[in-house]
Amino acid sequence: MKTRLHIFLGAGGVGKTTLSASLAIHLAFQGRRVGLLSIDPAKRLKTALGADHIDESGQIFWKSETGDGELRAAVLSLPDSLRRWIRDEGLEGDHEQRLFEHPLFQTVAEKIASATETLAPIRMAEWIEQFPDTDDLIIDTAPGLHAVDFLIRPERLLAFFDSKILE
């Protein structure tokens, strides 16, 4: 079975986060394995779920006692994702720490944080790779993000990676 994708788009203050959290909880209570990913820099998902902390990794927020349903939630933080991706490569010794402290890395991590909508589709695809048993993936977007812009951004990102700048 393929993962169903639910994307909440619209202006600020219309209830996107509340609706996405409510749908996620409802589906999890129905026995589905649900991923809830907020790409809203305001990080309102914590409030909507009544959570003290939600990081970018996709931690389990709720799991049924029977093991049928589960809700895994994350708030997108691209600098944290970048660090996790590097950790997953397994740098040896103090190389990881030296890299994270390097001014160029810190500048790139800071700049990448402003590319949330551009890199969010990568995190969405990664989610399905990390948690292949996800039945539903719900995306809570930032205010004012238009559906067409959201859908064409991966195309722009691929064009950048194919450009001569990176060569």
N, C-alpha and C. Protein backbone atom coordinates (compact mmCIF):
# COMPACT_ATOMS: atom_id res chain seq x y z
N MET A 1 0.83 -1.17 0.00
CA MET A 1 0.00 0.00 0.00
C MET A 1 0.88 1.24 0.00
N LYS A 2 0.52 2.22 -0.79
CA LYS A 2 1.27 3.46 -0.86
C LYS A 2 0.84 4.42 0.24
N THR A 3 1.76 5.27 0.62
CA THR A 3 1.48 6.29 1.62
C THR A 3 0.58 7.36 1.03
N ARG A 4 -0.47 7.71 1.78
CA ARG A 4 -1.33 8.82 1.36
C ARG A 4 -0.73 10.12 1.87
N LEU A 5 -0.67 11.12 1.00
CA LEU A 5 -0.09 12.42 1.33
C LEU A 5 -1.21 13.43 1.50
N HIS A 6 -1.19 14.15 2.64
CA HIS A 6 -2.17 15.20 2.93
C HIS A 6 -1.37 16.48 3.16
N ILE A 7 -1.62 17.52 2.36
CA ILE A 7 -0.88 18.78 2.50
C ILE A 7 -1.87 19.88 2.85
N PHE A 8 -1.61 20.57 3.96
CA PHE A 8 -2.45 21.68 4.39
C PHE A 8 -1.78 22.98 3.99
N LEU A 9 -2.44 23.73 3.09
CA LEU A 9 -1.93 25.00 2.57
C LEU A 9 -2.94 26.10 2.86
N GLY A 10 -2.47 27.33 2.95
CA GLY A 10 -3.38 28.46 3.10
C GLY A 10 -2.74 29.61 3.85
N ALA A 11 -3.54 30.65 4.03
CA ALA A 11 -3.08 31.85 4.72
C ALA A 11 -2.85 31.55 6.20
N GLY A 12 -2.18 32.48 6.87
CA GLY A 12 -1.94 32.33 8.29
C GLY A 12 -3.22 32.52 9.09
N GLY A 13 -3.34 31.78 10.18
CA GLY A 13 -4.46 31.96 11.08
C GLY A 13 -5.75 31.29 10.67
N VAL A 14 -5.70 30.39 9.68
CA VAL A 14 -6.93 29.73 9.23
C VAL A 14 -7.12 28.34 9.85
N GLY A 15 -6.15 27.90 10.63
CA GLY A 15 -6.30 26.61 11.31
C GLY A 15 -5.59 25.44 10.67
N LYS A 16 -4.60 25.69 9.81
CA LYS A 16 -3.88 24.59 9.16
C LYS A 16 -3.24 23.64 10.17
N THR A 17 -2.55 24.20 11.14
CA THR A 17 -1.85 23.37 12.12
C THR A 17 -2.85 22.59 12.97
N THR A 18 -3.90 23.26 13.41
CA THR A 18 -4.93 22.59 14.21
C THR A 18 -5.58 21.46 13.43
N LEU A 19 -5.91 21.71 12.17
CA LEU A 19 -6.53 20.68 11.34
C LEU A 19 -5.57 19.53 11.04
N SER A 20 -4.33 19.86 10.74
CA SER A 20 -3.37 18.78 10.43
C SER A 20 -3.12 17.91 11.66
N ALA A 21 -2.99 18.53 12.83
CA ALA A 21 -2.80 17.76 14.06
C ALA A 21 -4.04 16.92 14.37
N SER A 22 -5.21 17.50 14.19
CA SER A 22 -6.46 16.77 14.46
C SER A 22 -6.61 15.58 13.52
N LEU A 23 -6.33 15.77 12.24
CA LEU A 23 -6.42 14.66 11.29
C LEU A 23 -5.41 13.57 11.65
N ALA A 24 -4.20 13.97 12.01
CA ALA A 24 -3.17 12.99 12.37
C ALA A 24 -3.61 12.16 13.57
N ILE A 25 -4.12 12.82 14.59
CA ILE A 25 -4.58 12.10 15.79
C ILE A 25 -5.74 11.17 15.44
N HIS A 26 -6.69 11.67 14.67
CA HIS A 26 -7.85 10.86 14.28
C HIS A 26 -7.40 9.60 13.53
N LEU A 27 -6.53 9.77 12.53
CA LEU A 27 -6.09 8.62 11.75
C LEU A 27 -5.31 7.63 12.60
N ALA A 28 -4.47 8.14 13.51
CA ALA A 28 -3.71 7.25 14.39
C ALA A 28 -4.65 6.46 15.29
N PHE A 29 -5.68 7.12 15.82
CA PHE A 29 -6.66 6.43 16.66
C PHE A 29 -7.46 5.40 15.87
N GLN A 30 -7.52 5.56 14.55
CA GLN A 30 -8.21 4.61 13.68
C GLN A 30 -7.33 3.42 13.32
N GLY A 31 -6.10 3.39 13.87
CA GLY A 31 -5.21 2.26 13.62
C GLY A 31 -4.23 2.46 12.49
N ARG A 32 -4.07 3.68 12.03
CA ARG A 32 -3.14 3.95 10.93
C ARG A 32 -1.80 4.44 11.49
N ARG A 33 -0.75 4.22 10.72
CA ARG A 33 0.58 4.73 11.08
C ARG A 33 0.72 6.08 10.36
N VAL A 34 0.79 7.14 11.17
CA VAL A 34 0.71 8.50 10.64
C VAL A 34 2.00 9.26 10.91
N GLY A 35 2.46 9.96 9.89
CA GLY A 35 3.56 10.90 10.03
C GLY A 35 3.00 12.31 9.92
N LEU A 36 3.41 13.18 10.81
CA LEU A 36 2.96 14.57 10.81
C LEU A 36 4.21 15.44 10.79
N LEU A 37 4.41 16.15 9.69
CA LEU A 37 5.60 16.96 9.49
C LEU A 37 5.19 18.41 9.32
N SER A 38 5.67 19.27 10.21
CA SER A 38 5.40 20.69 10.09
C SER A 38 6.59 21.35 9.42
N ILE A 39 6.34 22.11 8.36
CA ILE A 39 7.40 22.88 7.72
C ILE A 39 7.17 24.37 7.98
N ASP A 40 6.35 24.66 8.98
CA ASP A 40 6.07 26.04 9.38
C ASP A 40 7.17 26.50 10.34
N PRO A 41 7.94 27.54 9.96
CA PRO A 41 9.01 28.02 10.85
C PRO A 41 8.50 28.48 12.22
N ALA A 42 7.22 28.81 12.35
CA ALA A 42 6.68 29.28 13.63
C ALA A 42 6.59 28.15 14.65
N LYS A 43 6.68 26.91 14.21
CA LYS A 43 6.69 25.74 15.10
C LYS A 43 5.48 25.68 16.03
N ARG A 44 4.30 25.95 15.49
CA ARG A 44 3.06 25.90 16.27
C ARG A 44 2.58 24.48 16.55
N LEU A 45 3.17 23.51 15.90
CA LEU A 45 2.73 22.13 16.07
C LEU A 45 2.88 21.67 17.52
N LYS A 46 3.92 22.13 18.19
CA LYS A 46 4.10 21.76 19.60
C LYS A 46 2.87 22.16 20.42
N THR A 47 2.38 23.36 20.19
CA THR A 47 1.21 23.84 20.91
C THR A 47 -0.02 23.02 20.54
N ALA A 48 -0.19 22.75 19.25
CA ALA A 48 -1.36 22.01 18.79
C ALA A 48 -1.42 20.60 19.38
N LEU A 49 -0.27 19.99 19.58
CA LEU A 49 -0.22 18.64 20.13
C LEU A 49 -0.02 18.64 21.64
N GLY A 50 0.18 19.81 22.23
CA GLY A 50 0.41 19.87 23.67
C GLY A 50 1.72 19.22 24.07
N ALA A 51 2.72 19.35 23.21
CA ALA A 51 4.01 18.70 23.45
C ALA A 51 5.03 19.70 23.96
N ASP A 52 5.93 19.22 24.80
CA ASP A 52 7.03 20.06 25.28
C ASP A 52 8.08 20.25 24.21
N HIS A 53 8.33 19.19 23.45
CA HIS A 53 9.41 19.23 22.47
C HIS A 53 9.07 18.31 21.30
N ILE A 54 9.25 18.82 20.10
CA ILE A 54 9.17 17.99 18.89
C ILE A 54 10.37 18.37 18.05
N ASP A 55 11.23 17.42 17.74
CA ASP A 55 12.40 17.74 16.93
C ASP A 55 12.17 17.37 15.47
N GLU A 56 13.23 17.35 14.69
CA GLU A 56 13.09 17.10 13.26
C GLU A 56 13.19 15.63 12.88
N SER A 57 13.49 14.79 13.84
CA SER A 57 13.81 13.40 13.51
C SER A 57 12.60 12.51 13.25
N GLY A 58 11.43 12.89 13.74
CA GLY A 58 10.25 12.05 13.56
C GLY A 58 10.05 11.10 14.71
N GLN A 59 9.96 11.64 15.91
CA GLN A 59 9.79 10.80 17.08
C GLN A 59 8.33 10.38 17.26
N ILE A 60 8.15 9.25 17.87
CA ILE A 60 6.79 8.75 18.13
C ILE A 60 6.15 9.62 19.20
N PHE A 61 5.02 10.17 18.87
CA PHE A 61 4.28 11.04 19.78
C PHE A 61 3.20 10.24 20.51
N TRP A 62 2.58 9.29 19.82
CA TRP A 62 1.55 8.45 20.41
C TRP A 62 1.56 7.11 19.71
N LYS A 63 1.34 6.04 20.49
CA LYS A 63 1.26 4.69 19.92
C LYS A 63 0.18 3.94 20.68
N SER A 64 -0.67 3.23 19.93
CA SER A 64 -1.75 2.48 20.57
C SER A 64 -1.17 1.30 21.35
N GLU A 65 -1.89 0.88 22.36
CA GLU A 65 -1.43 -0.24 23.17
C GLU A 65 -1.42 -1.54 22.38
N THR A 66 -2.28 -1.64 21.38
CA THR A 66 -2.32 -2.84 20.55
C THR A 66 -1.27 -2.81 19.45
N GLY A 67 -0.63 -1.65 19.27
CA GLY A 67 0.41 -1.53 18.25
C GLY A 67 -0.12 -1.24 16.87
N ASP A 68 -1.45 -1.06 16.73
CA ASP A 68 -2.01 -0.78 15.41
C ASP A 68 -1.69 0.63 14.94
N GLY A 69 -2.13 1.62 15.69
CA GLY A 69 -1.96 3.00 15.27
C GLY A 69 -0.79 3.67 15.95
N GLU A 70 -0.21 4.64 15.23
CA GLU A 70 0.88 5.40 15.81
C GLU A 70 0.94 6.76 15.14
N LEU A 71 1.35 7.74 15.92
CA LEU A 71 1.55 9.09 15.40
C LEU A 71 3.00 9.48 15.65
N ARG A 72 3.69 9.73 14.55
CA ARG A 72 5.09 10.15 14.60
C ARG A 72 5.10 11.60 14.11
N ALA A 73 5.68 12.51 14.89
CA ALA A 73 5.63 13.93 14.55
C ALA A 73 7.03 14.52 14.47
N ALA A 74 7.16 15.56 13.64
CA ALA A 74 8.43 16.27 13.49
C ALA A 74 8.17 17.70 13.07
N VAL A 75 9.07 18.58 13.48
CA VAL A 75 9.07 19.96 13.02
C VAL A 75 10.35 20.13 12.22
N LEU A 76 10.21 20.50 10.96
CA LEU A 76 11.36 20.58 10.07
C LEU A 76 12.35 21.64 10.54
N SER A 77 13.59 21.23 10.70
CA SER A 77 14.70 22.12 11.00
C SER A 77 15.82 21.70 10.08
N LEU A 78 16.01 22.43 9.01
CA LEU A 78 17.00 22.01 8.02
C LEU A 78 18.43 21.99 8.56
N PRO A 79 18.83 22.94 9.42
CA PRO A 79 20.17 22.79 9.99
C PRO A 79 20.32 21.48 10.79
N ASP A 80 19.28 21.10 11.53
CA ASP A 80 19.33 19.84 12.28
C ASP A 80 19.34 18.64 11.33
N SER A 81 18.56 18.72 10.25
CA SER A 81 18.57 17.64 9.25
C SER A 81 19.96 17.51 8.64
N LEU A 82 20.57 18.65 8.30
CA LEU A 82 21.90 18.63 7.72
C LEU A 82 22.89 17.96 8.67
N ARG A 83 22.83 18.29 9.94
CA ARG A 83 23.71 17.65 10.92
C ARG A 83 23.44 16.15 11.03
N ARG A 84 22.16 15.77 11.00
CA ARG A 84 21.80 14.35 11.09
C ARG A 84 22.32 13.60 9.87
N TRP A 85 22.17 14.20 8.68
CA TRP A 85 22.65 13.55 7.46
C TRP A 85 24.16 13.34 7.53
N ILE A 86 24.88 14.32 8.07
CA ILE A 86 26.33 14.18 8.19
C ILE A 86 26.67 13.11 9.21
N ARG A 87 25.96 13.09 10.35
CA ARG A 87 26.20 12.05 11.36
C ARG A 87 25.98 10.66 10.78
N ASP A 88 24.94 10.54 9.95
CA ASP A 88 24.64 9.25 9.34
C ASP A 88 25.79 8.75 8.46
N GLU A 89 26.61 9.66 7.95
CA GLU A 89 27.76 9.27 7.13
C GLU A 89 28.91 8.74 7.96
N GLY A 90 28.88 8.99 9.29
CA GLY A 90 29.86 8.41 10.20
C GLY A 90 31.26 8.96 10.09
N LEU A 91 31.42 10.26 10.25
CA LEU A 91 32.77 10.82 10.27
C LEU A 91 33.55 10.26 11.45
N GLU A 92 34.84 10.08 11.26
CA GLU A 92 35.66 9.47 12.31
C GLU A 92 36.29 10.52 13.22
N GLY A 93 36.56 10.09 14.45
CA GLY A 93 37.26 10.94 15.40
C GLY A 93 36.54 12.25 15.66
N ASP A 94 37.33 13.31 15.71
CA ASP A 94 36.75 14.62 16.00
C ASP A 94 36.37 15.37 14.72
N HIS A 95 36.38 14.70 13.57
CA HIS A 95 36.07 15.35 12.31
C HIS A 95 34.66 15.95 12.30
N GLU A 96 33.70 15.23 12.87
CA GLU A 96 32.32 15.72 12.90
C GLU A 96 32.23 17.03 13.68
N GLN A 97 32.81 17.04 14.86
CA GLN A 97 32.77 18.25 15.70
C GLN A 97 33.48 19.41 15.01
N ARG A 98 34.63 19.14 14.41
CA ARG A 98 35.38 20.19 13.71
C ARG A 98 34.57 20.73 12.55
N LEU A 99 33.88 19.84 11.84
CA LEU A 99 33.05 20.29 10.72
C LEU A 99 31.92 21.17 11.22
N PHE A 100 31.22 20.74 12.27
CA PHE A 100 30.08 21.52 12.79
C PHE A 100 30.52 22.87 13.33
N GLU A 101 31.75 22.99 13.80
CA GLU A 101 32.25 24.26 14.33
C GLU A 101 32.85 25.16 13.25
N HIS A 102 33.06 24.64 12.06
CA HIS A 102 33.69 25.40 10.99
C HIS A 102 32.77 26.55 10.55
N PRO A 103 33.32 27.76 10.37
CA PRO A 103 32.49 28.91 9.96
C PRO A 103 31.74 28.70 8.65
N LEU A 104 32.35 28.01 7.69
CA LEU A 104 31.66 27.77 6.42
C LEU A 104 30.44 26.88 6.63
N PHE A 105 30.61 25.81 7.42
CA PHE A 105 29.47 24.93 7.71
C PHE A 105 28.37 25.70 8.42
N GLN A 106 28.73 26.51 9.40
CA GLN A 106 27.73 27.29 10.14
C GLN A 106 26.99 28.26 9.23
N THR A 107 27.71 28.86 8.28
CA THR A 107 27.07 29.77 7.32
C THR A 107 26.11 29.01 6.42
N VAL A 108 26.55 27.85 5.92
CA VAL A 108 25.68 27.04 5.06
C VAL A 108 24.45 26.58 5.83
N ALA A 109 24.64 26.12 7.07
CA ALA A 109 23.51 25.65 7.88
C ALA A 109 22.53 26.78 8.13
N GLU A 110 23.05 27.98 8.37
CA GLU A 110 22.18 29.13 8.61
C GLU A 110 21.41 29.51 7.34
N LYS A 111 22.10 29.48 6.20
CA LYS A 111 21.45 29.84 4.93
C LYS A 111 20.44 28.78 4.51
N ILE A 112 20.74 27.53 4.78
CA ILE A 112 19.84 26.45 4.38
C ILE A 112 18.52 26.53 5.16
N ALA A 113 18.57 27.11 6.35
CA ALA A 113 17.35 27.24 7.16
C ALA A 113 16.30 28.10 6.47
N SER A 114 16.74 29.02 5.61
CA SER A 114 15.78 29.88 4.91
C SER A 114 15.19 29.21 3.67
N ALA A 115 15.63 28.03 3.34
CA ALA A 115 15.16 27.32 2.16
C ALA A 115 14.16 26.22 2.53
N THR A 116 13.40 26.44 3.59
CA THR A 116 12.51 25.41 4.12
C THR A 116 11.57 24.85 3.07
N GLU A 117 10.85 25.72 2.36
CA GLU A 117 9.87 25.22 1.39
C GLU A 117 10.54 24.50 0.22
N THR A 118 11.79 24.91 -0.09
CA THR A 118 12.50 24.28 -1.20
C THR A 118 12.96 22.88 -0.83
N LEU A 119 13.45 22.71 0.40
CA LEU A 119 14.01 21.42 0.81
C LEU A 119 13.00 20.51 1.50
N ALA A 120 11.82 21.04 1.81
CA ALA A 120 10.80 20.22 2.48
C ALA A 120 10.45 18.96 1.68
N PRO A 121 10.32 19.03 0.35
CA PRO A 121 10.02 17.79 -0.39
C PRO A 121 11.09 16.71 -0.23
N ILE A 122 12.34 17.13 -0.03
CA ILE A 122 13.40 16.15 0.21
C ILE A 122 13.15 15.45 1.54
N ARG A 123 12.78 16.22 2.56
CA ARG A 123 12.50 15.64 3.89
C ARG A 123 11.28 14.72 3.81
N MET A 124 10.29 15.11 3.00
CA MET A 124 9.11 14.26 2.83
C MET A 124 9.49 12.91 2.22
N ALA A 125 10.31 12.96 1.18
CA ALA A 125 10.74 11.71 0.54
C ALA A 125 11.60 10.89 1.50
N GLU A 126 12.45 11.57 2.25
CA GLU A 126 13.29 10.88 3.23
C GLU A 126 12.43 10.21 4.30
N TRP A 127 11.33 10.87 4.68
CA TRP A 127 10.43 10.31 5.70
C TRP A 127 9.95 8.93 5.27
N ILE A 128 9.53 8.83 4.03
CA ILE A 128 9.01 7.55 3.53
C ILE A 128 10.12 6.49 3.50
N GLU A 129 11.35 6.91 3.24
CA GLU A 129 12.47 5.97 3.29
C GLU A 129 12.76 5.53 4.72
N GLN A 130 12.71 6.48 5.66
CA GLN A 130 12.99 6.18 7.06
C GLN A 130 11.90 5.33 7.69
N PHE A 131 10.65 5.66 7.37
CA PHE A 131 9.50 5.01 7.98
C PHE A 131 8.59 4.45 6.88
N PRO A 132 9.02 3.37 6.22
CA PRO A 132 8.28 2.87 5.06
C PRO A 132 6.89 2.33 5.38
N ASP A 133 6.59 2.09 6.65
CA ASP A 133 5.27 1.59 7.00
C ASP A 133 4.27 2.71 7.26
N THR A 134 4.63 3.95 6.92
CA THR A 134 3.73 5.10 7.11
C THR A 134 2.53 4.96 6.18
N ASP A 135 1.33 4.98 6.75
CA ASP A 135 0.10 4.93 5.95
C ASP A 135 -0.27 6.31 5.42
N ASP A 136 -0.10 7.33 6.26
CA ASP A 136 -0.48 8.69 5.92
C ASP A 136 0.63 9.64 6.34
N LEU A 137 1.02 10.53 5.45
CA LEU A 137 1.98 11.59 5.78
C LEU A 137 1.25 12.91 5.62
N ILE A 138 1.19 13.66 6.73
CA ILE A 138 0.46 14.93 6.75
C ILE A 138 1.49 16.05 6.85
N ILE A 139 1.37 17.03 5.96
CA ILE A 139 2.29 18.15 5.92
C ILE A 139 1.55 19.42 6.32
N ASP A 140 2.06 20.07 7.35
CA ASP A 140 1.54 21.36 7.81
C ASP A 140 2.49 22.42 7.28
N THR A 141 2.04 23.23 6.32
CA THR A 141 2.92 24.19 5.66
C THR A 141 2.91 25.55 6.34
N ALA A 142 3.84 26.38 5.91
CA ALA A 142 3.93 27.76 6.40
C ALA A 142 2.80 28.59 5.79
N PRO A 143 2.39 29.66 6.48
CA PRO A 143 1.33 30.52 5.95
C PRO A 143 1.69 31.10 4.58
N GLY A 144 0.68 31.14 3.72
CA GLY A 144 0.83 31.80 2.43
C GLY A 144 1.53 31.00 1.37
N LEU A 145 1.96 29.79 1.67
CA LEU A 145 2.62 28.97 0.66
C LEU A 145 1.57 28.47 -0.32
N HIS A 146 1.78 28.76 -1.59
CA HIS A 146 0.82 28.35 -2.61
C HIS A 146 1.14 26.94 -3.12
N ALA A 147 0.11 26.20 -3.43
CA ALA A 147 0.27 24.81 -3.84
C ALA A 147 1.19 24.67 -5.04
N VAL A 148 1.03 25.54 -6.03
CA VAL A 148 1.85 25.44 -7.24
C VAL A 148 3.32 25.68 -6.89
N ASP A 149 3.59 26.71 -6.06
CA ASP A 149 4.97 26.97 -5.65
C ASP A 149 5.56 25.78 -4.92
N PHE A 150 4.78 25.18 -4.03
CA PHE A 150 5.25 24.05 -3.25
C PHE A 150 5.61 22.88 -4.16
N LEU A 151 4.79 22.65 -5.18
CA LEU A 151 5.00 21.49 -6.05
C LEU A 151 6.14 21.68 -7.04
N ILE A 152 6.45 22.95 -7.44
CA ILE A 152 7.52 23.14 -8.42
C ILE A 152 8.88 23.37 -7.79
N ARG A 153 8.94 23.58 -6.51
CA ARG A 153 10.23 23.83 -5.85
C ARG A 153 11.22 22.68 -6.01
N PRO A 154 10.82 21.42 -5.92
CA PRO A 154 11.81 20.35 -6.14
C PRO A 154 12.46 20.45 -7.52
N GLU A 155 11.69 20.88 -8.51
CA GLU A 155 12.22 21.06 -9.85
C GLU A 155 13.32 22.12 -9.85
N ARG A 156 13.08 23.22 -9.15
CA ARG A 156 14.07 24.28 -9.05
C ARG A 156 15.31 23.79 -8.32
N LEU A 157 15.12 23.00 -7.28
CA LEU A 157 16.25 22.48 -6.52
C LEU A 157 17.10 21.56 -7.39
N LEU A 158 16.46 20.69 -8.15
CA LEU A 158 17.21 19.80 -9.04
C LEU A 158 17.99 20.59 -10.09
N ALA A 159 17.38 21.66 -10.59
CA ALA A 159 18.07 22.51 -11.57
C ALA A 159 19.32 23.12 -10.94
N PHE A 160 19.23 23.52 -9.67
CA PHE A 160 20.39 24.07 -8.98
C PHE A 160 21.49 23.01 -8.86
N PHE A 161 21.13 21.80 -8.45
CA PHE A 161 22.12 20.75 -8.28
C PHE A 161 22.77 20.34 -9.60
N ASP A 162 22.03 20.52 -10.70
CA ASP A 162 22.57 20.20 -12.01
C ASP A 162 23.37 21.36 -12.62
N SER A 163 23.38 22.50 -11.95
CA SER A 163 24.00 23.69 -12.52
C SER A 163 25.53 23.61 -12.45
N LYS A 164 26.16 24.48 -13.22
CA LYS A 164 27.62 24.53 -13.26
C LYS A 164 28.21 25.16 -12.00
N ILE A 165 27.37 25.83 -11.21
CA ILE A 165 27.85 26.46 -9.98
C ILE A 165 28.48 25.42 -9.07
N LEU A 166 27.84 24.27 -8.95
CA LEU A 166 28.36 23.25 -8.04
C LEU A 166 29.54 22.49 -8.62
N GLU A 167 29.70 22.53 -9.93
CA GLU A 167 30.86 21.85 -10.52
C GLU A 167 32.12 22.50 -10.05
